[in-house]
Amino acid sequence: MKTCQRFSRIKSGYEQDITFLRSHSERHEGKPSAKASAKHAAGAKRAMARALNRHYERCRECG
């Protein structure tokens, strides 16, 4: 699948956030903040999917 640079930037930004949240969750296992980070990471993953789908539908270069 050929994608444009904006698609890559959107994806890398979300992936960076997801990685940060997951690593925080692993470092602080058993604490309430870890559980919250895990939930936020899952939400960020869904948000990334929505953003990338929306971009793919509208972008002339990708779609």
N, C-alpha and C. Protein backbone atom coordinates (compact mmCIF):
# COMPACT_ATOMS: atom_id res chain seq x y z
N MET A 1 0.84 -1.17 0.00
CA MET A 1 0.00 0.00 0.00
C MET A 1 0.89 1.24 0.00
N LYS A 2 0.71 2.07 -0.98
CA LYS A 2 1.48 3.30 -1.08
C LYS A 2 0.78 4.39 -0.29
N THR A 3 1.54 5.07 0.56
CA THR A 3 0.97 6.14 1.37
C THR A 3 1.83 7.39 1.25
N CYS A 4 1.23 8.51 1.61
CA CYS A 4 1.95 9.78 1.54
C CYS A 4 2.70 10.04 2.85
N GLN A 5 3.46 11.12 2.86
CA GLN A 5 4.25 11.46 4.04
C GLN A 5 3.37 11.86 5.22
N ARG A 6 2.25 12.47 4.96
CA ARG A 6 1.36 12.88 6.05
C ARG A 6 0.82 11.65 6.77
N PHE A 7 0.47 10.61 6.04
CA PHE A 7 0.02 9.35 6.63
C PHE A 7 1.09 8.82 7.58
N SER A 8 2.33 8.83 7.13
CA SER A 8 3.44 8.34 7.96
C SER A 8 3.62 9.19 9.21
N ARG A 9 3.48 10.52 9.07
CA ARG A 9 3.61 11.40 10.23
C ARG A 9 2.50 11.17 11.25
N ILE A 10 1.28 11.00 10.77
CA ILE A 10 0.16 10.73 11.67
C ILE A 10 0.40 9.42 12.42
N LYS A 11 0.79 8.40 11.68
CA LYS A 11 1.02 7.08 12.27
C LYS A 11 2.16 7.11 13.28
N SER A 12 3.27 7.74 12.93
CA SER A 12 4.41 7.74 13.85
C SER A 12 4.11 8.53 15.12
N GLY A 13 3.32 9.60 15.02
CA GLY A 13 2.95 10.35 16.21
C GLY A 13 2.12 9.53 17.17
N TYR A 14 1.13 8.83 16.64
CA TYR A 14 0.29 7.98 17.49
C TYR A 14 1.11 6.82 18.06
N GLU A 15 1.96 6.21 17.24
CA GLU A 15 2.75 5.08 17.72
C GLU A 15 3.68 5.50 18.85
N GLN A 16 4.22 6.70 18.77
CA GLN A 16 5.09 7.21 19.82
C GLN A 16 4.31 7.35 21.13
N ASP A 17 3.11 7.90 21.06
CA ASP A 17 2.27 8.05 22.25
C ASP A 17 1.89 6.69 22.83
N ILE A 18 1.52 5.76 21.97
CA ILE A 18 1.11 4.43 22.42
C ILE A 18 2.29 3.73 23.10
N THR A 19 3.46 3.82 22.53
CA THR A 19 4.65 3.21 23.12
C THR A 19 4.95 3.80 24.48
N PHE A 20 4.86 5.12 24.60
CA PHE A 20 5.10 5.78 25.88
C PHE A 20 4.12 5.31 26.94
N LEU A 21 2.83 5.25 26.58
CA LEU A 21 1.81 4.84 27.54
C LEU A 21 1.98 3.37 27.95
N ARG A 22 2.29 2.52 27.00
CA ARG A 22 2.47 1.10 27.32
C ARG A 22 3.69 0.87 28.21
N SER A 23 4.77 1.57 27.92
CA SER A 23 5.98 1.39 28.74
C SER A 23 5.74 1.92 30.16
N HIS A 24 5.00 3.00 30.30
CA HIS A 24 4.66 3.51 31.63
C HIS A 24 3.83 2.46 32.37
N SER A 25 2.90 1.85 31.68
CA SER A 25 2.04 0.83 32.28
C SER A 25 2.86 -0.36 32.75
N GLU A 26 3.85 -0.75 31.99
CA GLU A 26 4.70 -1.89 32.36
C GLU A 26 5.62 -1.54 33.53
N ARG A 27 6.15 -0.32 33.55
CA ARG A 27 7.05 0.09 34.62
C ARG A 27 6.33 0.18 35.96
N HIS A 28 5.09 0.60 35.95
CA HIS A 28 4.35 0.85 37.19
C HIS A 28 3.24 -0.18 37.38
N GLU A 29 3.54 -1.42 37.05
CA GLU A 29 2.54 -2.49 37.13
C GLU A 29 1.97 -2.60 38.54
N GLY A 30 0.66 -2.74 38.61
CA GLY A 30 -0.01 -2.88 39.89
C GLY A 30 -0.51 -1.58 40.50
N LYS A 31 -0.14 -0.48 39.94
CA LYS A 31 -0.58 0.82 40.44
C LYS A 31 -1.76 1.32 39.61
N PRO A 32 -2.57 2.19 40.18
CA PRO A 32 -3.71 2.74 39.43
C PRO A 32 -3.28 3.51 38.17
N SER A 33 -2.13 4.17 38.24
CA SER A 33 -1.66 4.93 37.07
C SER A 33 -1.32 4.00 35.91
N ALA A 34 -0.87 2.79 36.22
CA ALA A 34 -0.56 1.81 35.17
C ALA A 34 -1.83 1.38 34.46
N LYS A 35 -2.88 1.16 35.22
CA LYS A 35 -4.14 0.75 34.63
C LYS A 35 -4.70 1.87 33.74
N ALA A 36 -4.58 3.10 34.21
CA ALA A 36 -5.05 4.24 33.42
C ALA A 36 -4.24 4.38 32.13
N SER A 37 -2.92 4.20 32.23
CA SER A 37 -2.07 4.29 31.03
C SER A 37 -2.42 3.22 30.02
N ALA A 38 -2.71 2.03 30.49
CA ALA A 38 -3.09 0.94 29.58
C ALA A 38 -4.40 1.27 28.87
N LYS A 39 -5.35 1.83 29.60
CA LYS A 39 -6.62 2.21 28.98
C LYS A 39 -6.42 3.34 27.97
N HIS A 40 -5.57 4.30 28.32
CA HIS A 40 -5.30 5.39 27.39
C HIS A 40 -4.58 4.90 26.14
N ALA A 41 -3.69 3.91 26.30
CA ALA A 41 -2.99 3.34 25.15
C ALA A 41 -3.97 2.65 24.21
N ALA A 42 -4.92 1.93 24.78
CA ALA A 42 -5.93 1.26 23.95
C ALA A 42 -6.79 2.30 23.22
N GLY A 43 -7.14 3.36 23.91
CA GLY A 43 -7.92 4.43 23.28
C GLY A 43 -7.14 5.14 22.19
N ALA A 44 -5.84 5.33 22.43
CA ALA A 44 -5.00 5.97 21.42
C ALA A 44 -4.88 5.09 20.18
N LYS A 45 -4.85 3.78 20.37
CA LYS A 45 -4.76 2.87 19.24
C LYS A 45 -6.03 2.96 18.38
N ARG A 46 -7.18 3.03 19.05
CA ARG A 46 -8.44 3.18 18.31
C ARG A 46 -8.49 4.54 17.60
N ALA A 47 -8.01 5.58 18.27
CA ALA A 47 -8.00 6.92 17.67
C ALA A 47 -7.07 6.95 16.46
N MET A 48 -5.94 6.25 16.55
CA MET A 48 -5.02 6.18 15.41
C MET A 48 -5.71 5.51 14.22
N ALA A 49 -6.41 4.43 14.47
CA ALA A 49 -7.10 3.72 13.39
C ALA A 49 -8.13 4.63 12.73
N ARG A 50 -8.89 5.36 13.54
CA ARG A 50 -9.89 6.28 12.98
C ARG A 50 -9.22 7.39 12.17
N ALA A 51 -8.15 7.96 12.70
CA ALA A 51 -7.47 9.06 12.01
C ALA A 51 -6.86 8.58 10.69
N LEU A 52 -6.26 7.41 10.70
CA LEU A 52 -5.64 6.90 9.47
C LEU A 52 -6.69 6.52 8.43
N ASN A 53 -7.79 5.94 8.87
CA ASN A 53 -8.87 5.62 7.93
C ASN A 53 -9.46 6.89 7.33
N ARG A 54 -9.68 7.88 8.16
CA ARG A 54 -10.22 9.15 7.69
C ARG A 54 -9.26 9.80 6.69
N HIS A 55 -7.96 9.76 7.00
CA HIS A 55 -6.97 10.32 6.09
C HIS A 55 -6.95 9.56 4.77
N TYR A 56 -6.96 8.24 4.87
CA TYR A 56 -6.89 7.41 3.66
C TYR A 56 -8.07 7.65 2.73
N GLU A 57 -9.25 7.87 3.31
CA GLU A 57 -10.44 8.11 2.51
C GLU A 57 -10.37 9.44 1.77
N ARG A 58 -9.75 10.44 2.39
CA ARG A 58 -9.76 11.80 1.84
C ARG A 58 -8.54 12.16 1.04
N CYS A 59 -7.45 11.45 1.23
CA CYS A 59 -6.19 11.82 0.58
C CYS A 59 -6.18 11.31 -0.87
N ARG A 60 -5.83 12.18 -1.77
CA ARG A 60 -5.77 11.81 -3.19
C ARG A 60 -4.56 10.93 -3.47
N GLU A 61 -3.48 11.16 -2.73
CA GLU A 61 -2.26 10.43 -2.96
C GLU A 61 -2.34 8.99 -2.42
N CYS A 62 -2.99 8.83 -1.27
CA CYS A 62 -3.09 7.51 -0.63
C CYS A 62 -4.23 6.67 -1.22
N GLY A 63 -5.37 7.29 -1.40
CA GLY A 63 -6.57 6.56 -1.81
C GLY A 63 -6.68 6.48 -3.26
